[in-house]
């Protein structure tokens, strides 16, 4: 292993389930010669055993802020014929999409997002169309947050291509566009726009959560101490 040739005998990895899997493989290959400690962190907030993971709070803060700002733009432009879609990350866990609800104010029940589509709930086209029509009767616009991993009633992704990543996961991205095509084709006269924060939602440090920063620092401290103590 190249790390051994460099004199590295302790390795701390930070990331989600794929990173954890790779860390385990590396530890097995090192056979005790390198102490490997993994720090769980993912914006998806979906790691087993953890109560929550650093990264999620900052992402939700960014998404909720984006929804509020986009709502201001929609309020200024919409004439009762606008649907605005925000596609967020989330392959099989809807934590990020659900967190967008923090954009709502408690005393304003009709605040956006008006609809949140989660990967845990199969997409029902007729129900969504009905909800959009209902919102547009009341508001100038309808703002929808959709997770990239949205699936149909057969469990198929609403949008995925044939390519897979190194871990065999389908390459997602396009759920917002797929939804826009459905809405545009079934709601005559309605303008549909799609916004994709993409990787910005996981690296927007200007919207960092203090809770995230503090917990990440403490998790790093604990990982270093574990490695020093001989844990792997």
C-alpha atoms as a PDB file:
ATOM      1  CA  UNK A   1       0.000   0.000   0.000  1.00  0.00           C
ATOM      2  CA  UNK A   2       1.404   3.401  -1.022  1.00  0.00           C
ATOM      3  CA  UNK A   3       0.411   4.916   2.331  1.00  0.00           C
ATOM      4  CA  UNK A   4       2.750   2.543   4.160  1.00  0.00           C
ATOM      5  CA  UNK A   5       5.629   3.505   1.903  1.00  0.00           C
ATOM      6  CA  UNK A   6       4.957   7.115   2.889  1.00  0.00           C
ATOM      7  CA  UNK A   7       5.085   6.197   6.556  1.00  0.00           C
ATOM      8  CA  UNK A   8       1.362   6.736   7.147  1.00  0.00           C
ATOM      9  CA  UNK A   9       0.054   4.519   9.930  1.00  0.00           C
ATOM     10  CA  UNK A  10      -3.184   6.356  10.742  1.00  0.00           C
ATOM     11  CA  UNK A  11      -5.918   7.342   8.286  1.00  0.00           C
ATOM     12  CA  UNK A  12      -9.122   9.244   9.020  1.00  0.00           C
ATOM     13  CA  UNK A  13     -11.777   9.210   6.314  1.00  0.00           C
ATOM     14  CA  UNK A  14     -14.791  11.502   6.170  1.00  0.00           C
ATOM     15  CA  UNK A  15     -17.920  10.801   4.143  1.00  0.00           C
ATOM     16  CA  UNK A  16     -21.001   8.706   3.566  1.00  0.00           C
ATOM     17  CA  UNK A  17     -21.718   5.022   3.090  1.00  0.00           C
ATOM     18  CA  UNK A  18     -19.537   4.574  -0.005  1.00  0.00           C
ATOM     19  CA  UNK A  19     -16.574   6.208   1.719  1.00  0.00           C
ATOM     20  CA  UNK A  20     -17.174   4.026   4.766  1.00  0.00           C
ATOM     21  CA  UNK A  21     -17.253   0.921   2.566  1.00  0.00           C
ATOM     22  CA  UNK A  22     -13.962   1.932   0.922  1.00  0.00           C
ATOM     23  CA  UNK A  23     -12.405   2.618   4.323  1.00  0.00           C
ATOM     24  CA  UNK A  24     -13.348  -0.858   5.511  1.00  0.00           C
ATOM     25  CA  UNK A  25     -11.746  -2.395   2.421  1.00  0.00           C
ATOM     26  CA  UNK A  26      -8.581  -0.367   2.994  1.00  0.00           C
ATOM     27  CA  UNK A  27      -8.439  -1.417   6.648  1.00  0.00           C
ATOM     28  CA  UNK A  28      -8.768  -5.069   5.621  1.00  0.00           C
ATOM     29  CA  UNK A  29      -6.002  -4.663   3.047  1.00  0.00           C
ATOM     30  CA  UNK A  30      -3.748  -2.949   5.582  1.00  0.00           C
ATOM     31  CA  UNK A  31      -4.257  -5.857   7.993  1.00  0.00           C
ATOM     32  CA  UNK A  32      -3.632  -3.786  11.117  1.00  0.00           C
ATOM     33  CA  UNK A  33      -0.652  -1.880   9.733  1.00  0.00           C
ATOM     34  CA  UNK A  34      -2.791   1.241   9.297  1.00  0.00           C
ATOM     35  CA  UNK A  35      -5.399   2.389  11.796  1.00  0.00           C
ATOM     36  CA  UNK A  36      -8.438   3.507   9.833  1.00  0.00           C
ATOM     37  CA  UNK A  37     -11.130   5.583  11.549  1.00  0.00           C
ATOM     38  CA  UNK A  38     -14.204   6.723   9.639  1.00  0.00           C
ATOM     39  CA  UNK A  39     -16.113   9.921  10.451  1.00  0.00           C
ATOM     40  CA  UNK A  40     -19.748   9.701   9.256  1.00  0.00           C
ATOM     41  CA  UNK A  41     -20.745  12.773   7.262  1.00  0.00           C
ATOM     42  CA  UNK A  42     -23.283  13.159   4.501  1.00  0.00           C
ATOM     43  CA  UNK A  43     -25.749  15.831   3.473  1.00  0.00           C
ATOM     44  CA  UNK A  44     -28.285  13.056   2.778  1.00  0.00           C
ATOM     45  CA  UNK A  45     -28.493  12.393   6.543  1.00  0.00           C
ATOM     46  CA  UNK A  46     -29.182   8.720   5.861  1.00  0.00           C
ATOM     47  CA  UNK A  47     -26.391   6.764   7.567  1.00  0.00           C
ATOM     48  CA  UNK A  48     -27.429   3.830   9.791  1.00  0.00           C
ATOM     49  CA  UNK A  49     -26.765   4.060  13.544  1.00  0.00           C
ATOM     50  CA  UNK A  50     -26.288   7.858  13.441  1.00  0.00           C
ATOM     51  CA  UNK A  51     -28.917  10.194  14.894  1.00  0.00           C
ATOM     52  CA  UNK A  52     -27.927  12.780  12.286  1.00  0.00           C
ATOM     53  CA  UNK A  53     -24.819  13.597  10.293  1.00  0.00           C
ATOM     54  CA  UNK A  54     -22.716  16.755   9.873  1.00  0.00           C
ATOM     55  CA  UNK A  55     -23.451  18.321   6.502  1.00  0.00           C
ATOM     56  CA  UNK A  56     -27.207  17.970   6.600  1.00  0.00           C
ATOM     57  CA  UNK A  57     -27.951  21.086   8.650  1.00  0.00           C
ATOM     58  CA  UNK A  58     -25.865  23.318   6.382  1.00  0.00           C
ATOM     59  CA  UNK A  59     -27.463  21.914   3.235  1.00  0.00           C
ATOM     60  CA  UNK A  60     -30.977  22.386   4.567  1.00  0.00           C
ATOM     61  CA  UNK A  61     -30.132  25.930   5.627  1.00  0.00           C
ATOM     62  CA  UNK A  62     -28.951  26.622   2.070  1.00  0.00           C
ATOM     63  CA  UNK A  63     -31.978  24.978   0.433  1.00  0.00           C
ATOM     64  CA  UNK A  64     -34.515  26.662   2.720  1.00  0.00           C
ATOM     65  CA  UNK A  65     -32.875  30.031   2.076  1.00  0.00           C
ATOM     66  CA  UNK A  66     -32.889  29.384  -1.679  1.00  0.00           C
ATOM     67  CA  UNK A  67     -36.600  28.498  -1.580  1.00  0.00           C
ATOM     68  CA  UNK A  68     -37.414  31.728   0.251  1.00  0.00           C
ATOM     69  CA  UNK A  69     -35.385  33.817  -2.188  1.00  0.00           C
ATOM     70  CA  UNK A  70     -36.870  32.058  -5.199  1.00  0.00           C
ATOM     71  CA  UNK A  71     -40.335  32.599  -3.759  1.00  0.00           C
ATOM     72  CA  UNK A  72     -39.702  36.352  -3.683  1.00  0.00           C
ATOM     73  CA  UNK A  73     -38.785  36.263  -7.371  1.00  0.00           C
ATOM     74  CA  UNK A  74     -41.832  34.144  -8.214  1.00  0.00           C
ATOM     75  CA  UNK A  75     -44.113  36.452  -6.245  1.00  0.00           C
ATOM     76  CA  UNK A  76     -42.860  39.386  -8.294  1.00  0.00           C
ATOM     77  CA  UNK A  77     -43.136  37.611 -11.670  1.00  0.00           C
ATOM     78  CA  UNK A  78     -46.029  35.166 -11.344  1.00  0.00           C
ATOM     79  CA  UNK A  79     -49.497  35.977 -12.665  1.00  0.00           C
ATOM     80  CA  UNK A  80     -51.226  32.802 -11.579  1.00  0.00           C
ATOM     81  CA  UNK A  81     -49.607  30.768 -14.335  1.00  0.00           C
ATOM     82  CA  UNK A  82     -46.174  29.852 -12.975  1.00  0.00           C
ATOM     83  CA  UNK A  83     -44.850  26.582 -11.568  1.00  0.00           C
ATOM     84  CA  UNK A  84     -41.356  26.725 -10.110  1.00  0.00           C
ATOM     85  CA  UNK A  85     -39.488  23.457  -9.453  1.00  0.00           C
ATOM     86  CA  UNK A  86     -36.383  23.073  -7.295  1.00  0.00           C
ATOM     87  CA  UNK A  87     -34.553  19.751  -7.711  1.00  0.00           C
ATOM     88  CA  UNK A  88     -32.492  18.761  -4.665  1.00  0.00           C
ATOM     89  CA  UNK A  89     -30.209  15.849  -3.876  1.00  0.00           C
ATOM     90  CA  UNK A  90     -31.508  12.685  -2.256  1.00  0.00           C
ATOM     91  CA  UNK A  91     -31.233   9.286  -3.949  1.00  0.00           C
ATOM     92  CA  UNK A  92     -33.398   7.290  -1.584  1.00  0.00           C
ATOM     93  CA  UNK A  93     -33.736   9.533   1.462  1.00  0.00           C
ATOM     94  CA  UNK A  94     -35.952  12.602   1.426  1.00  0.00           C
ATOM     95  CA  UNK A  95     -34.323  14.461   4.311  1.00  0.00           C
ATOM     96  CA  UNK A  96     -33.081  17.345   2.138  1.00  0.00           C
ATOM     97  CA  UNK A  97     -36.365  17.787   0.282  1.00  0.00           C
ATOM     98  CA  UNK A  98     -38.330  17.575   3.541  1.00  0.00           C
ATOM     99  CA  UNK A  99     -35.982  20.094   5.166  1.00  0.00           C
ATOM    100  CA  UNK A 100     -37.032  22.670   2.575  1.00  0.00           C
ATOM    101  CA  UNK A 101     -40.217  23.020   4.618  1.00  0.00           C
ATOM    102  CA  UNK A 102     -38.167  25.146   7.054  1.00  0.00           C
ATOM    103  CA  UNK A 103     -38.642  27.944   4.527  1.00  0.00           C
ATOM    104  CA  UNK A 104     -42.227  28.244   5.748  1.00  0.00           C
ATOM    105  CA  UNK A 105     -43.157  30.733   8.444  1.00  0.00           C
ATOM    106  CA  UNK A 106     -45.382  29.388  11.204  1.00  0.00           C
ATOM    107  CA  UNK A 107     -47.969  32.143  10.828  1.00  0.00           C
ATOM    108  CA  UNK A 108     -48.095  31.834   7.015  1.00  0.00           C
ATOM    109  CA  UNK A 109     -49.433  28.330   6.231  1.00  0.00           C
ATOM    110  CA  UNK A 110     -49.491  28.984   2.477  1.00  0.00           C
ATOM    111  CA  UNK A 111     -45.788  29.833   2.284  1.00  0.00           C
ATOM    112  CA  UNK A 112     -43.725  27.837  -0.225  1.00  0.00           C
ATOM    113  CA  UNK A 113     -42.749  25.164  -0.827  1.00  0.00           C
ATOM    114  CA  UNK A 114     -46.321  24.289  -1.734  1.00  0.00           C
ATOM    115  CA  UNK A 115     -45.466  20.682  -2.658  1.00  0.00           C
ATOM    116  CA  UNK A 116     -42.562  18.456  -1.591  1.00  0.00           C
ATOM    117  CA  UNK A 117     -41.982  15.237  -3.524  1.00  0.00           C
ATOM    118  CA  UNK A 118     -39.944  12.621  -1.632  1.00  0.00           C
ATOM    119  CA  UNK A 119     -38.177   9.519  -2.973  1.00  0.00           C
ATOM    120  CA  UNK A 120     -39.913   7.443  -0.272  1.00  0.00           C
ATOM    121  CA  UNK A 121     -43.332   8.209  -1.776  1.00  0.00           C
ATOM    122  CA  UNK A 122     -44.158   6.949  -5.280  1.00  0.00           C
ATOM    123  CA  UNK A 123     -44.998   9.722  -7.731  1.00  0.00           C
ATOM    124  CA  UNK A 124     -48.734   9.942  -8.426  1.00  0.00           C
ATOM    125  CA  UNK A 125     -49.165  12.078 -11.532  1.00  0.00           C
ATOM    126  CA  UNK A 126     -52.873  12.774 -11.195  1.00  0.00           C
ATOM    127  CA  UNK A 127     -52.595  13.677  -7.530  1.00  0.00           C
ATOM    128  CA  UNK A 128     -49.711  16.076  -8.183  1.00  0.00           C
ATOM    129  CA  UNK A 129     -51.560  17.728 -11.075  1.00  0.00           C
ATOM    130  CA  UNK A 130     -54.608  18.140  -8.861  1.00  0.00           C
ATOM    131  CA  UNK A 131     -52.506  19.728  -6.107  1.00  0.00           C
ATOM    132  CA  UNK A 132     -50.797  22.114  -8.520  1.00  0.00           C
ATOM    133  CA  UNK A 133     -54.144  23.250  -9.935  1.00  0.00           C
ATOM    134  CA  UNK A 134     -55.440  23.796  -6.409  1.00  0.00           C
ATOM    135  CA  UNK A 135     -52.433  25.938  -5.451  1.00  0.00           C
ATOM    136  CA  UNK A 136     -52.599  28.003  -8.643  1.00  0.00           C
ATOM    137  CA  UNK A 137     -56.236  28.867  -7.945  1.00  0.00           C
ATOM    138  CA  UNK A 138     -55.111  30.430  -4.676  1.00  0.00           C
ATOM    139  CA  UNK A 139     -51.582  31.724  -5.367  1.00  0.00           C
ATOM    140  CA  UNK A 140     -49.703  33.520  -8.137  1.00  0.00           C
ATOM    141  CA  UNK A 141     -47.345  30.578  -8.425  1.00  0.00           C
ATOM    142  CA  UNK A 142     -46.736  27.035  -7.208  1.00  0.00           C
ATOM    143  CA  UNK A 143     -43.274  26.163  -5.879  1.00  0.00           C
ATOM    144  CA  UNK A 144     -42.358  22.476  -5.788  1.00  0.00           C
ATOM    145  CA  UNK A 145     -39.305  20.845  -4.217  1.00  0.00           C
ATOM    146  CA  UNK A 146     -38.479  17.448  -5.709  1.00  0.00           C
ATOM    147  CA  UNK A 147     -35.786  14.969  -4.676  1.00  0.00           C
ATOM    148  CA  UNK A 148     -33.587  13.666  -7.489  1.00  0.00           C
ATOM    149  CA  UNK A 149     -34.461  10.073  -6.512  1.00  0.00           C
ATOM    150  CA  UNK A 150     -38.211  10.394  -7.100  1.00  0.00           C
ATOM    151  CA  UNK A 151     -39.659   7.075  -8.279  1.00  0.00           C
ATOM    152  CA  UNK A 152     -42.836   5.968 -10.040  1.00  0.00           C
ATOM    153  CA  UNK A 153     -45.295   3.369  -8.767  1.00  0.00           C
ATOM    154  CA  UNK A 154     -43.075   0.589 -10.203  1.00  0.00           C
ATOM    155  CA  UNK A 155     -40.069   1.815  -8.239  1.00  0.00           C
ATOM    156  CA  UNK A 156     -38.284   3.216 -11.298  1.00  0.00           C
ATOM    157  CA  UNK A 157     -36.514   6.563 -11.095  1.00  0.00           C
ATOM    158  CA  UNK A 158     -38.439   9.349 -12.784  1.00  0.00           C
ATOM    159  CA  UNK A 159     -35.105  10.396 -14.293  1.00  0.00           C
ATOM    160  CA  UNK A 160     -31.882   8.358 -14.522  1.00  0.00           C
ATOM    161  CA  UNK A 161     -29.480   7.475 -17.295  1.00  0.00           C
ATOM    162  CA  UNK A 162     -27.812   4.175 -18.109  1.00  0.00           C
ATOM    163  CA  UNK A 163     -24.498   5.178 -16.556  1.00  0.00           C
ATOM    164  CA  UNK A 164     -23.519   4.097 -13.052  1.00  0.00           C
ATOM    165  CA  UNK A 165     -20.830   5.292 -10.680  1.00  0.00           C
ATOM    166  CA  UNK A 166     -17.959   3.265  -9.236  1.00  0.00           C
ATOM    167  CA  UNK A 167     -20.305   1.768  -6.649  1.00  0.00           C
ATOM    168  CA  UNK A 168     -22.973   0.733  -9.165  1.00  0.00           C
ATOM    169  CA  UNK A 169     -25.413   3.532  -8.365  1.00  0.00           C
ATOM    170  CA  UNK A 170     -27.516   4.914 -11.212  1.00  0.00           C
ATOM    171  CA  UNK A 171     -26.523   8.415 -12.266  1.00  0.00           C
ATOM    172  CA  UNK A 172     -29.397  10.658 -11.227  1.00  0.00           C
ATOM    173  CA  UNK A 173     -30.289  14.195 -12.200  1.00  0.00           C
ATOM    174  CA  UNK A 174     -33.245  15.314 -14.245  1.00  0.00           C
ATOM    175  CA  UNK A 175     -36.215  14.628 -11.963  1.00  0.00           C
ATOM    176  CA  UNK A 176     -37.024  18.334 -12.095  1.00  0.00           C
ATOM    177  CA  UNK A 177     -36.974  18.376 -15.896  1.00  0.00           C
ATOM    178  CA  UNK A 178     -39.070  15.201 -16.082  1.00  0.00           C
ATOM    179  CA  UNK A 179     -41.622  16.730 -13.734  1.00  0.00           C
ATOM    180  CA  UNK A 180     -41.609  19.967 -15.726  1.00  0.00           C
ATOM    181  CA  UNK A 181     -42.369  18.043 -18.917  1.00  0.00           C
ATOM    182  CA  UNK A 182     -45.317  16.301 -17.244  1.00  0.00           C
ATOM    183  CA  UNK A 183     -46.731  19.526 -15.804  1.00  0.00           C
ATOM    184  CA  UNK A 184     -46.170  21.519 -18.983  1.00  0.00           C
ATOM    185  CA  UNK A 185     -47.928  18.871 -21.040  1.00  0.00           C
ATOM    186  CA  UNK A 186     -50.959  18.696 -18.772  1.00  0.00           C
ATOM    187  CA  UNK A 187     -51.426  22.299 -17.661  1.00  0.00           C
ATOM    188  CA  UNK A 188     -52.073  24.450 -20.754  1.00  0.00           C
ATOM    189  CA  UNK A 189     -50.952  28.055 -20.425  1.00  0.00           C
ATOM    190  CA  UNK A 190     -48.788  27.389 -17.379  1.00  0.00           C
ATOM    191  CA  UNK A 191     -45.112  28.332 -17.485  1.00  0.00           C
ATOM    192  CA  UNK A 192     -42.784  25.845 -15.768  1.00  0.00           C
ATOM    193  CA  UNK A 193     -39.275  26.683 -14.598  1.00  0.00           C
ATOM    194  CA  UNK A 194     -36.654  24.385 -13.081  1.00  0.00           C
ATOM    195  CA  UNK A 195     -33.808  25.321 -10.730  1.00  0.00           C
ATOM    196  CA  UNK A 196     -31.009  22.856  -9.881  1.00  0.00           C
ATOM    197  CA  UNK A 197     -28.673  23.832  -7.041  1.00  0.00           C
ATOM    198  CA  UNK A 198     -26.646  20.704  -7.851  1.00  0.00           C
ATOM    199  CA  UNK A 199     -23.371  20.339  -5.983  1.00  0.00           C
ATOM    200  CA  UNK A 200     -23.706  23.912  -4.694  1.00  0.00           C
ATOM    201  CA  UNK A 201     -26.027  22.598  -2.004  1.00  0.00           C
ATOM    202  CA  UNK A 202     -23.238  20.504  -0.492  1.00  0.00           C
ATOM    203  CA  UNK A 203     -20.451  23.092  -0.630  1.00  0.00           C
ATOM    204  CA  UNK A 204     -22.168  26.421   0.134  1.00  0.00           C
ATOM    205  CA  UNK A 205     -20.028  27.318   3.137  1.00  0.00           C
ATOM    206  CA  UNK A 206     -21.512  30.826   3.266  1.00  0.00           C
ATOM    207  CA  UNK A 207     -24.694  29.156   4.544  1.00  0.00           C
ATOM    208  CA  UNK A 208     -22.883  26.874   6.975  1.00  0.00           C
ATOM    209  CA  UNK A 209     -24.739  25.834  10.105  1.00  0.00           C
ATOM    210  CA  UNK A 210     -22.992  26.544  13.412  1.00  0.00           C
ATOM    211  CA  UNK A 211     -24.285  23.229  14.698  1.00  0.00           C
ATOM    212  CA  UNK A 212     -22.620  21.522  11.738  1.00  0.00           C
ATOM    213  CA  UNK A 213     -19.318  23.316  12.237  1.00  0.00           C
ATOM    214  CA  UNK A 214     -19.193  22.553  15.958  1.00  0.00           C
ATOM    215  CA  UNK A 215     -20.176  18.906  15.552  1.00  0.00           C
ATOM    216  CA  UNK A 216     -17.771  18.338  12.652  1.00  0.00           C
ATOM    217  CA  UNK A 217     -14.907  19.723  14.755  1.00  0.00           C
ATOM    218  CA  UNK A 218     -15.802  17.498  17.714  1.00  0.00           C
ATOM    219  CA  UNK A 219     -16.215  14.441  15.465  1.00  0.00           C
ATOM    220  CA  UNK A 220     -12.753  15.118  14.026  1.00  0.00           C
ATOM    221  CA  UNK A 221     -11.289  15.396  17.520  1.00  0.00           C
ATOM    222  CA  UNK A 222     -12.875  12.085  18.514  1.00  0.00           C
ATOM    223  CA  UNK A 223     -11.531  10.382  15.370  1.00  0.00           C
ATOM    224  CA  UNK A 224      -7.966  11.565  16.032  1.00  0.00           C
ATOM    225  CA  UNK A 225      -8.166  10.425  19.647  1.00  0.00           C
ATOM    226  CA  UNK A 226      -9.502   7.036  18.566  1.00  0.00           C
ATOM    227  CA  UNK A 227      -6.607   6.584  16.132  1.00  0.00           C
ATOM    228  CA  UNK A 228      -4.059   7.610  18.780  1.00  0.00           C
ATOM    229  CA  UNK A 229      -5.643   5.118  21.185  1.00  0.00           C
ATOM    230  CA  UNK A 230      -5.060   2.320  18.689  1.00  0.00           C
ATOM    231  CA  UNK A 231      -8.632   1.913  17.463  1.00  0.00           C
ATOM    232  CA  UNK A 232      -9.362   1.005  13.868  1.00  0.00           C
END
